[in-house]
All heavy atoms as atom14 arrays in JSON, in Angstrom:
{
  "sequence": "WKDRLLPLPAFLCDPTQASGWQDWLNGLRLSGYFLARDAF",
  "atom14_mask": [
    [1, 1, 1, 1, 1, 1, 1, 1, 1, 1, 1, 1, 1, 1],
    [1, 1, 1, 1, 1, 1, 1, 1, 1, 0, 0, 0, 0, 0],
    [1, 1, 1, 1, 1, 1, 1, 1, 0, 0, 0, 0, 0, 0],
    [1, 1, 1, 1, 1, 1, 1, 1, 1, 1, 1, 0, 0, 0],
    [1, 1, 1, 1, 1, 1, 1, 1, 0, 0, 0, 0, 0, 0],
    [1, 1, 1, 1, 1, 1, 1, 1, 0, 0, 0, 0, 0, 0],
    [1, 1, 1, 1, 1, 1, 1, 0, 0, 0, 0, 0, 0, 0],
    [1, 1, 1, 1, 1, 1, 1, 1, 0, 0, 0, 0, 0, 0],
    [1, 1, 1, 1, 1, 1, 1, 0, 0, 0, 0, 0, 0, 0],
    [1, 1, 1, 1, 1, 0, 0, 0, 0, 0, 0, 0, 0, 0],
    [1, 1, 1, 1, 1, 1, 1, 1, 1, 1, 1, 0, 0, 0],
    [1, 1, 1, 1, 1, 1, 1, 1, 0, 0, 0, 0, 0, 0],
    [1, 1, 1, 1, 1, 1, 0, 0, 0, 0, 0, 0, 0, 0],
    [1, 1, 1, 1, 1, 1, 1, 1, 0, 0, 0, 0, 0, 0],
    [1, 1, 1, 1, 1, 1, 1, 0, 0, 0, 0, 0, 0, 0],
    [1, 1, 1, 1, 1, 1, 1, 0, 0, 0, 0, 0, 0, 0],
    [1, 1, 1, 1, 1, 1, 1, 1, 1, 0, 0, 0, 0, 0],
    [1, 1, 1, 1, 1, 0, 0, 0, 0, 0, 0, 0, 0, 0],
    [1, 1, 1, 1, 1, 1, 0, 0, 0, 0, 0, 0, 0, 0],
    [1, 1, 1, 1, 0, 0, 0, 0, 0, 0, 0, 0, 0, 0],
    [1, 1, 1, 1, 1, 1, 1, 1, 1, 1, 1, 1, 1, 1],
    [1, 1, 1, 1, 1, 1, 1, 1, 1, 0, 0, 0, 0, 0],
    [1, 1, 1, 1, 1, 1, 1, 1, 0, 0, 0, 0, 0, 0],
    [1, 1, 1, 1, 1, 1, 1, 1, 1, 1, 1, 1, 1, 1],
    [1, 1, 1, 1, 1, 1, 1, 1, 0, 0, 0, 0, 0, 0],
    [1, 1, 1, 1, 1, 1, 1, 1, 0, 0, 0, 0, 0, 0],
    [1, 1, 1, 1, 0, 0, 0, 0, 0, 0, 0, 0, 0, 0],
    [1, 1, 1, 1, 1, 1, 1, 1, 0, 0, 0, 0, 0, 0],
    [1, 1, 1, 1, 1, 1, 1, 1, 1, 1, 1, 0, 0, 0],
    [1, 1, 1, 1, 1, 1, 1, 1, 0, 0, 0, 0, 0, 0],
    [1, 1, 1, 1, 1, 1, 0, 0, 0, 0, 0, 0, 0, 0],
    [1, 1, 1, 1, 0, 0, 0, 0, 0, 0, 0, 0, 0, 0],
    [1, 1, 1, 1, 1, 1, 1, 1, 1, 1, 1, 1, 0, 0],
    [1, 1, 1, 1, 1, 1, 1, 1, 1, 1, 1, 0, 0, 0],
    [1, 1, 1, 1, 1, 1, 1, 1, 0, 0, 0, 0, 0, 0],
    [1, 1, 1, 1, 1, 0, 0, 0, 0, 0, 0, 0, 0, 0],
    [1, 1, 1, 1, 1, 1, 1, 1, 1, 1, 1, 0, 0, 0],
    [1, 1, 1, 1, 1, 1, 1, 1, 0, 0, 0, 0, 0, 0],
    [1, 1, 1, 1, 1, 0, 0, 0, 0, 0, 0, 0, 0, 0],
    [1, 1, 1, 1, 1, 1, 1, 1, 1, 1, 1, 0, 0, 0]
  ],
  "atom14_positions": [
    [[7.29, -26.58, 44.44], [7.51, -27.82, 45.19], [6.27, -28.7, 45.21], [6.26, -29.74, 45.87], [7.91, -27.48, 46.63], [9.12, -26.63, 46.73], [9.16, -25.28, 46.94], [10.46, -27.06, 46.59], [10.46, -24.84, 46.93], [11.29, -25.91, 46.72], [11.09, -28.29, 46.35], [12.68, -25.97, 46.63], [12.47, -28.34, 46.26], [13.24, -27.19, 46.4]],
    [[5.23, -28.33, 44.5], [3.96, -29.06, 44.6], [4.08, -30.52, 44.21], [3.35, -31.37, 44.74], [2.88, -28.36, 43.76], [3.15, -28.36, 42.26], [1.96, -27.76, 41.5], [1.72, -26.32, 41.91], [0.59, -25.71, 41.14], [0.0, 0.0, 0.0], [0.0, 0.0, 0.0], [0.0, 0.0, 0.0], [0.0, 0.0, 0.0], [0.0, 0.0, 0.0]],
    [[4.99, -30.85, 43.3], [5.14, -32.24, 42.88], [5.7, -33.13, 43.99], [5.61, -34.35, 43.91], [6.05, -32.34, 41.65], [5.4, -31.74, 40.4], [4.16, -31.61, 40.4], [6.13, -31.39, 39.46], [0.0, 0.0, 0.0], [0.0, 0.0, 0.0], [0.0, 0.0, 0.0], [0.0, 0.0, 0.0], [0.0, 0.0, 0.0], [0.0, 0.0, 0.0]],
    [[6.27, -32.51, 45.01], [6.84, -33.27, 46.12], [5.89, -33.37, 47.31], [6.23, -33.97, 48.33], [8.15, -32.64, 46.58], [9.2, -32.54, 45.47], [10.52, -32.06, 46.01], [11.51, -31.9, 44.96], [12.79, -31.58, 45.17], [13.22, -31.39, 46.41], [13.63, -31.47, 44.16], [0.0, 0.0, 0.0], [0.0, 0.0, 0.0], [0.0, 0.0, 0.0]],
    [[4.7, -32.76, 47.18], [3.74, -32.74, 48.27], [2.62, -33.75, 48.02], [2.42, -34.22, 46.91], [3.16, -31.33, 48.42], [4.17, -30.2, 48.63], [3.47, -28.85, 48.68], [4.97, -30.43, 49.9], [0.0, 0.0, 0.0], [0.0, 0.0, 0.0], [0.0, 0.0, 0.0], [0.0, 0.0, 0.0], [0.0, 0.0, 0.0], [0.0, 0.0, 0.0]],
    [[1.9, -34.05, 49.09], [0.79, -35.0, 49.0], [-0.51, -34.23, 48.76], [-0.76, -33.23, 49.44], [0.68, -35.8, 50.31], [1.91, -36.6, 50.72], [1.74, -37.14, 52.13], [2.17, -37.74, 49.74], [0.0, 0.0, 0.0], [0.0, 0.0, 0.0], [0.0, 0.0, 0.0], [0.0, 0.0, 0.0], [0.0, 0.0, 0.0], [0.0, 0.0, 0.0]],
    [[-1.34, -34.66, 47.81], [-2.61, -33.98, 47.57], [-3.5, -34.02, 48.82], [-3.59, -35.05, 49.51], [-3.24, -34.78, 46.43], [-2.1, -35.49, 45.77], [-1.11, -35.78, 46.86], [0.0, 0.0, 0.0], [0.0, 0.0, 0.0], [0.0, 0.0, 0.0], [0.0, 0.0, 0.0], [0.0, 0.0, 0.0], [0.0, 0.0, 0.0], [0.0, 0.0, 0.0]],
    [[-4.13, -32.89, 49.12], [-5.04, -32.79, 50.25], [-6.46, -32.63, 49.72], [-6.8, -31.57, 49.18], [-4.67, -31.59, 51.12], [-5.66, -31.24, 52.25], [-5.78, -32.4, 53.23], [-5.21, -29.96, 52.97], [0.0, 0.0, 0.0], [0.0, 0.0, 0.0], [0.0, 0.0, 0.0], [0.0, 0.0, 0.0], [0.0, 0.0, 0.0], [0.0, 0.0, 0.0]],
    [[-7.31, -33.64, 49.83], [-8.7, -33.51, 49.36], [-9.42, -32.42, 50.14], [-9.28, -32.31, 51.36], [-9.3, -34.89, 49.66], [-8.14, -35.81, 49.82], [-7.03, -34.98, 50.39], [0.0, 0.0, 0.0], [0.0, 0.0, 0.0], [0.0, 0.0, 0.0], [0.0, 0.0, 0.0], [0.0, 0.0, 0.0], [0.0, 0.0, 0.0], [0.0, 0.0, 0.0]],
    [[-10.22, -31.63, 49.42], [-10.89, -30.48, 50.04], [-11.84, -30.9, 51.16], [-12.02, -30.15, 52.13], [-11.64, -29.7, 48.97], [0.0, 0.0, 0.0], [0.0, 0.0, 0.0], [0.0, 0.0, 0.0], [0.0, 0.0, 0.0], [0.0, 0.0, 0.0], [0.0, 0.0, 0.0], [0.0, 0.0, 0.0], [0.0, 0.0, 0.0], [0.0, 0.0, 0.0]],
    [[-12.44, -32.09, 51.08], [-13.43, -32.48, 52.08], [-12.81, -32.67, 53.47], [-13.52, -32.64, 54.48], [-14.18, -33.74, 51.65], [-13.4, -35.03, 51.78], [-13.41, -35.76, 52.96], [-12.66, -35.52, 50.71], [-12.71, -36.95, 53.08], [-11.95, -36.7, 50.82], [-11.97, -37.42, 52.0], [0.0, 0.0, 0.0], [0.0, 0.0, 0.0], [0.0, 0.0, 0.0]],
    [[-11.49, -32.87, 53.55], [-10.85, -33.03, 54.85], [-10.72, -31.69, 55.58], [-10.58, -31.67, 56.8], [-9.47, -33.67, 54.68], [-9.48, -35.15, 54.27], [-8.06, -35.66, 54.09], [-10.24, -35.99, 55.3], [0.0, 0.0, 0.0], [0.0, 0.0, 0.0], [0.0, 0.0, 0.0], [0.0, 0.0, 0.0], [0.0, 0.0, 0.0], [0.0, 0.0, 0.0]],
    [[-10.75, -30.6, 54.84], [-10.73, -29.27, 55.45], [-12.13, -28.71, 55.62], [-12.39, -27.95, 56.55], [-9.88, -28.31, 54.61], [-8.16, -28.79, 54.45], [0.0, 0.0, 0.0], [0.0, 0.0, 0.0], [0.0, 0.0, 0.0], [0.0, 0.0, 0.0], [0.0, 0.0, 0.0], [0.0, 0.0, 0.0], [0.0, 0.0, 0.0], [0.0, 0.0, 0.0]],
    [[-13.02, -29.08, 54.71], [-14.4, -28.58, 54.74], [-15.33, -29.72, 54.32], [-15.46, -30.01, 53.14], [-14.55, -27.39, 53.79], [-15.95, -26.81, 53.79], [-16.8, -27.32, 54.57], [-16.21, -25.86, 53.03], [0.0, 0.0, 0.0], [0.0, 0.0, 0.0], [0.0, 0.0, 0.0], [0.0, 0.0, 0.0], [0.0, 0.0, 0.0], [0.0, 0.0, 0.0]],
    [[-16.0, -30.35, 55.3], [-16.86, -31.5, 54.98], [-18.01, -31.17, 54.05], [-18.61, -32.08, 53.47], [-17.39, -31.94, 56.36], [-16.4, -31.4, 57.34], [-15.89, -30.12, 56.75], [0.0, 0.0, 0.0], [0.0, 0.0, 0.0], [0.0, 0.0, 0.0], [0.0, 0.0, 0.0], [0.0, 0.0, 0.0], [0.0, 0.0, 0.0], [0.0, 0.0, 0.0]],
    [[-18.33, -29.89, 53.89], [-19.43, -29.52, 52.99], [-19.0, -29.54, 51.52], [-19.85, -29.45, 50.63], [-19.97, -28.12, 53.33], [-18.94, -27.14, 53.1], [-20.39, -28.05, 54.8], [0.0, 0.0, 0.0], [0.0, 0.0, 0.0], [0.0, 0.0, 0.0], [0.0, 0.0, 0.0], [0.0, 0.0, 0.0], [0.0, 0.0, 0.0], [0.0, 0.0, 0.0]],
    [[-17.7, -29.61, 51.27], [-17.21, -29.64, 49.9], [-17.6, -30.96, 49.22], [-17.52, -32.04, 49.83], [-15.68, -29.51, 49.87], [-15.17, -28.14, 50.27], [-15.39, -27.11, 49.18], [-15.39, -27.43, 48.0], [-15.58, -25.85, 49.58], [0.0, 0.0, 0.0], [0.0, 0.0, 0.0], [0.0, 0.0, 0.0], [0.0, 0.0, 0.0], [0.0, 0.0, 0.0]],
    [[-18.02, -30.86, 47.96], [-18.34, -32.07, 47.2], [-17.06, -32.89, 46.99], [-15.97, -32.34, 46.83], [-18.95, -31.7, 45.85], [0.0, 0.0, 0.0], [0.0, 0.0, 0.0], [0.0, 0.0, 0.0], [0.0, 0.0, 0.0], [0.0, 0.0, 0.0], [0.0, 0.0, 0.0], [0.0, 0.0, 0.0], [0.0, 0.0, 0.0], [0.0, 0.0, 0.0]],
    [[-17.22, -34.2, 47.0], [-16.05, -35.07, 46.81], [-16.49, -36.32, 46.06], [-17.67, -36.65, 46.0], [-15.42, -35.45, 48.16], [-16.36, -36.13, 48.98], [0.0, 0.0, 0.0], [0.0, 0.0, 0.0], [0.0, 0.0, 0.0], [0.0, 0.0, 0.0], [0.0, 0.0, 0.0], [0.0, 0.0, 0.0], [0.0, 0.0, 0.0], [0.0, 0.0, 0.0]],
    [[-15.51, -37.01, 45.5], [-15.79, -38.22, 44.74], [-14.71, -39.25, 44.97], [-13.85, -39.11, 45.84], [0.0, 0.0, 0.0], [0.0, 0.0, 0.0], [0.0, 0.0, 0.0], [0.0, 0.0, 0.0], [0.0, 0.0, 0.0], [0.0, 0.0, 0.0], [0.0, 0.0, 0.0], [0.0, 0.0, 0.0], [0.0, 0.0, 0.0], [0.0, 0.0, 0.0]],
    [[-14.74, -40.3, 44.16], [-13.85, -41.44, 44.38], [-12.38, -41.06, 44.3], [-11.56, -41.56, 45.08], [-14.18, -42.54, 43.38], [-15.46, -43.23, 43.73], [-16.7, -42.97, 43.22], [-15.63, -44.28, 44.68], [-17.64, -43.8, 43.8], [-17.02, -44.62, 44.69], [-14.77, -44.97, 45.53], [-17.54, -45.61, 45.52], [-15.29, -45.97, 46.35], [-16.65, -46.27, 46.34]],
    [[-12.0, -40.18, 43.39], [-10.59, -39.79, 43.31], [-10.16, -39.03, 44.56], [-9.04, -39.22, 45.05], [-10.35, -38.91, 42.06], [-8.88, -38.57, 41.83], [-8.01, -39.8, 41.6], [-8.28, -40.61, 40.72], [-6.96, -39.96, 42.41], [0.0, 0.0, 0.0], [0.0, 0.0, 0.0], [0.0, 0.0, 0.0], [0.0, 0.0, 0.0], [0.0, 0.0, 0.0]],
    [[-11.05, -38.19, 45.09], [-10.74, -37.49, 46.35], [-10.57, -38.49, 47.48], [-9.68, -38.35, 48.32], [-11.86, -36.51, 46.7], [-12.08, -35.47, 45.62], [-11.12, -34.76, 45.28], [-13.21, -35.37, 45.11], [0.0, 0.0, 0.0], [0.0, 0.0, 0.0], [0.0, 0.0, 0.0], [0.0, 0.0, 0.0], [0.0, 0.0, 0.0], [0.0, 0.0, 0.0]],
    [[-11.44, -39.49, 47.54], [-11.36, -40.47, 48.61], [-10.1, -41.32, 48.47], [-9.47, -41.68, 49.47], [-12.6, -41.35, 48.6], [-13.87, -40.56, 48.7], [-14.0, -39.28, 49.21], [-15.17, -40.94, 48.27], [-15.31, -38.87, 49.12], [-16.05, -39.86, 48.54], [-15.69, -42.09, 47.67], [-17.41, -39.91, 48.25], [-17.04, -42.14, 47.37], [-17.89, -41.06, 47.67]],
    [[-9.72, -41.62, 47.23], [-8.47, -42.35, 47.02], [-7.28, -41.51, 47.5], [-6.38, -42.03, 48.18], [-8.3, -42.71, 45.55], [-7.0, -43.41, 45.15], [-6.79, -44.69, 45.94], [-6.98, -43.7, 43.66], [0.0, 0.0, 0.0], [0.0, 0.0, 0.0], [0.0, 0.0, 0.0], [0.0, 0.0, 0.0], [0.0, 0.0, 0.0], [0.0, 0.0, 0.0]],
    [[-7.28, -40.22, 47.18], [-6.21, -39.34, 47.66], [-6.2, -39.27, 49.18], [-5.13, -39.21, 49.8], [-6.38, -37.95, 47.06], [-6.05, -37.9, 45.58], [-5.36, -38.78, 45.05], [-6.55, -36.89, 44.89], [0.0, 0.0, 0.0], [0.0, 0.0, 0.0], [0.0, 0.0, 0.0], [0.0, 0.0, 0.0], [0.0, 0.0, 0.0], [0.0, 0.0, 0.0]],
    [[-7.38, -39.27, 49.78], [-7.45, -39.25, 51.24], [-6.88, -40.5, 51.86], [-6.15, -40.45, 52.86], [0.0, 0.0, 0.0], [0.0, 0.0, 0.0], [0.0, 0.0, 0.0], [0.0, 0.0, 0.0], [0.0, 0.0, 0.0], [0.0, 0.0, 0.0], [0.0, 0.0, 0.0], [0.0, 0.0, 0.0], [0.0, 0.0, 0.0], [0.0, 0.0, 0.0]],
    [[-7.2, -41.67, 51.26], [-6.63, -42.93, 51.76], [-5.12, -42.95, 51.62], [-4.41, -43.43, 52.51], [-7.23, -44.1, 50.97], [-8.53, -44.73, 51.44], [-8.88, -45.9, 50.54], [-8.44, -45.18, 52.89], [0.0, 0.0, 0.0], [0.0, 0.0, 0.0], [0.0, 0.0, 0.0], [0.0, 0.0, 0.0], [0.0, 0.0, 0.0], [0.0, 0.0, 0.0]],
    [[-4.62, -42.44, 50.5], [-3.17, -42.41, 50.3], [-2.5, -41.46, 51.28], [-1.39, -41.73, 51.76], [-2.86, -41.99, 48.86], [-3.17, -43.08, 47.83], [-3.05, -42.57, 46.41], [-3.18, -43.65, 45.43], [-3.35, -43.47, 44.14], [-3.41, -42.22, 43.64], [-3.46, -44.49, 43.32], [0.0, 0.0, 0.0], [0.0, 0.0, 0.0], [0.0, 0.0, 0.0]],
    [[-3.17, -40.36, 51.6], [-2.62, -39.39, 52.54], [-2.5, -39.99, 53.94], [-1.41, -40.01, 54.53], [-3.51, -38.15, 52.58], [-3.14, -37.07, 53.61], [-1.79, -36.46, 53.27], [-4.23, -36.01, 53.68], [0.0, 0.0, 0.0], [0.0, 0.0, 0.0], [0.0, 0.0, 0.0], [0.0, 0.0, 0.0], [0.0, 0.0, 0.0], [0.0, 0.0, 0.0]],
    [[-3.6, -40.49, 54.48], [-3.55, -41.07, 55.82], [-2.67, -42.32, 55.83], [-1.94, -42.58, 56.81], [-4.96, -41.4, 56.32], [-5.64, -42.25, 55.41], [0.0, 0.0, 0.0], [0.0, 0.0, 0.0], [0.0, 0.0, 0.0], [0.0, 0.0, 0.0], [0.0, 0.0, 0.0], [0.0, 0.0, 0.0], [0.0, 0.0, 0.0], [0.0, 0.0, 0.0]],
    [[-2.7, -43.09, 54.73], [-1.88, -44.29, 54.67], [-0.39, -43.99, 54.69], [0.4, -44.75, 55.26], [0.0, 0.0, 0.0], [0.0, 0.0, 0.0], [0.0, 0.0, 0.0], [0.0, 0.0, 0.0], [0.0, 0.0, 0.0], [0.0, 0.0, 0.0], [0.0, 0.0, 0.0], [0.0, 0.0, 0.0], [0.0, 0.0, 0.0], [0.0, 0.0, 0.0]],
    [[0.0, -42.87, 54.07], [1.41, -42.49, 54.06], [1.92, -42.29, 55.49], [3.0, -42.8, 55.85], [1.61, -41.21, 53.26], [3.02, -40.66, 53.33], [4.0, -41.11, 52.46], [3.37, -39.71, 54.29], [5.3, -40.63, 52.54], [4.66, -39.23, 54.38], [5.63, -39.68, 53.5], [6.91, -39.21, 53.6], [0.0, 0.0, 0.0], [0.0, 0.0, 0.0]],
    [[1.15, -41.57, 56.29], [1.61, -41.28, 57.65], [1.44, -42.46, 58.59], [2.24, -42.64, 59.52], [0.89, -40.03, 58.18], [1.32, -38.77, 57.49], [0.57, -38.23, 56.47], [2.51, -38.15, 57.84], [0.98, -37.08, 55.8], [2.94, -37.0, 57.19], [2.17, -36.46, 56.17], [0.0, 0.0, 0.0], [0.0, 0.0, 0.0], [0.0, 0.0, 0.0]],
    [[0.43, -43.29, 58.34], [0.34, -44.53, 59.12], [1.55, -45.43, 58.84], [2.15, -45.98, 59.77], [-0.96, -45.28, 58.77], [-2.25, -44.76, 59.38], [-3.45, -45.43, 58.73], [-2.27, -44.98, 60.89], [0.0, 0.0, 0.0], [0.0, 0.0, 0.0], [0.0, 0.0, 0.0], [0.0, 0.0, 0.0], [0.0, 0.0, 0.0], [0.0, 0.0, 0.0]],
    [[1.89, -45.56, 57.56], [3.02, -46.41, 57.19], [4.33, -45.88, 57.75], [5.17, -46.64, 58.24], [3.1, -46.54, 55.66], [0.0, 0.0, 0.0], [0.0, 0.0, 0.0], [0.0, 0.0, 0.0], [0.0, 0.0, 0.0], [0.0, 0.0, 0.0], [0.0, 0.0, 0.0], [0.0, 0.0, 0.0], [0.0, 0.0, 0.0], [0.0, 0.0, 0.0]],
    [[4.52, -44.56, 57.68], [5.78, -43.98, 58.14], [5.9, -43.92, 59.65], [6.94, -44.29, 60.22], [5.94, -42.57, 57.56], [7.34, -41.99, 57.81], [7.4, -40.51, 57.49], [6.67, -39.7, 58.47], [6.61, -38.37, 58.43], [7.21, -37.71, 57.46], [5.93, -37.7, 59.35], [0.0, 0.0, 0.0], [0.0, 0.0, 0.0], [0.0, 0.0, 0.0]],
    [[4.84, -43.45, 60.31], [4.94, -43.15, 61.75], [4.45, -44.28, 62.64], [5.12, -44.64, 63.61], [4.15, -41.87, 62.06], [4.72, -40.66, 61.34], [5.95, -40.62, 61.13], [3.94, -39.76, 60.96], [0.0, 0.0, 0.0], [0.0, 0.0, 0.0], [0.0, 0.0, 0.0], [0.0, 0.0, 0.0], [0.0, 0.0, 0.0], [0.0, 0.0, 0.0]],
    [[3.28, -44.83, 62.34], [2.71, -45.85, 63.22], [3.35, -47.22, 63.02], [3.48, -47.99, 63.98], [1.2, -45.95, 63.0], [0.0, 0.0, 0.0], [0.0, 0.0, 0.0], [0.0, 0.0, 0.0], [0.0, 0.0, 0.0], [0.0, 0.0, 0.0], [0.0, 0.0, 0.0], [0.0, 0.0, 0.0], [0.0, 0.0, 0.0], [0.0, 0.0, 0.0]],
    [[3.77, -47.53, 61.79], [4.34, -48.84, 61.51], [5.81, -48.79, 61.12], [6.58, -49.67, 61.49], [3.53, -49.54, 60.41], [2.15, -49.93, 60.85], [1.08, -49.07, 60.64], [1.92, -51.13, 61.5], [-0.2, -49.41, 61.06], [0.66, -51.48, 61.91], [-0.41, -50.62, 61.7], [0.0, 0.0, 0.0], [0.0, 0.0, 0.0], [0.0, 0.0, 0.0]]
  ]
}
């Protein structure tokens, strides 16, 4: 079912994990999905 799930960047679970622009983009898309669905 992984293709139906939202990617979770590792830095959101462990801030010590290295991250880069693609991780940050995935993080924005993750929080944006729930803001769009639930808050708006």
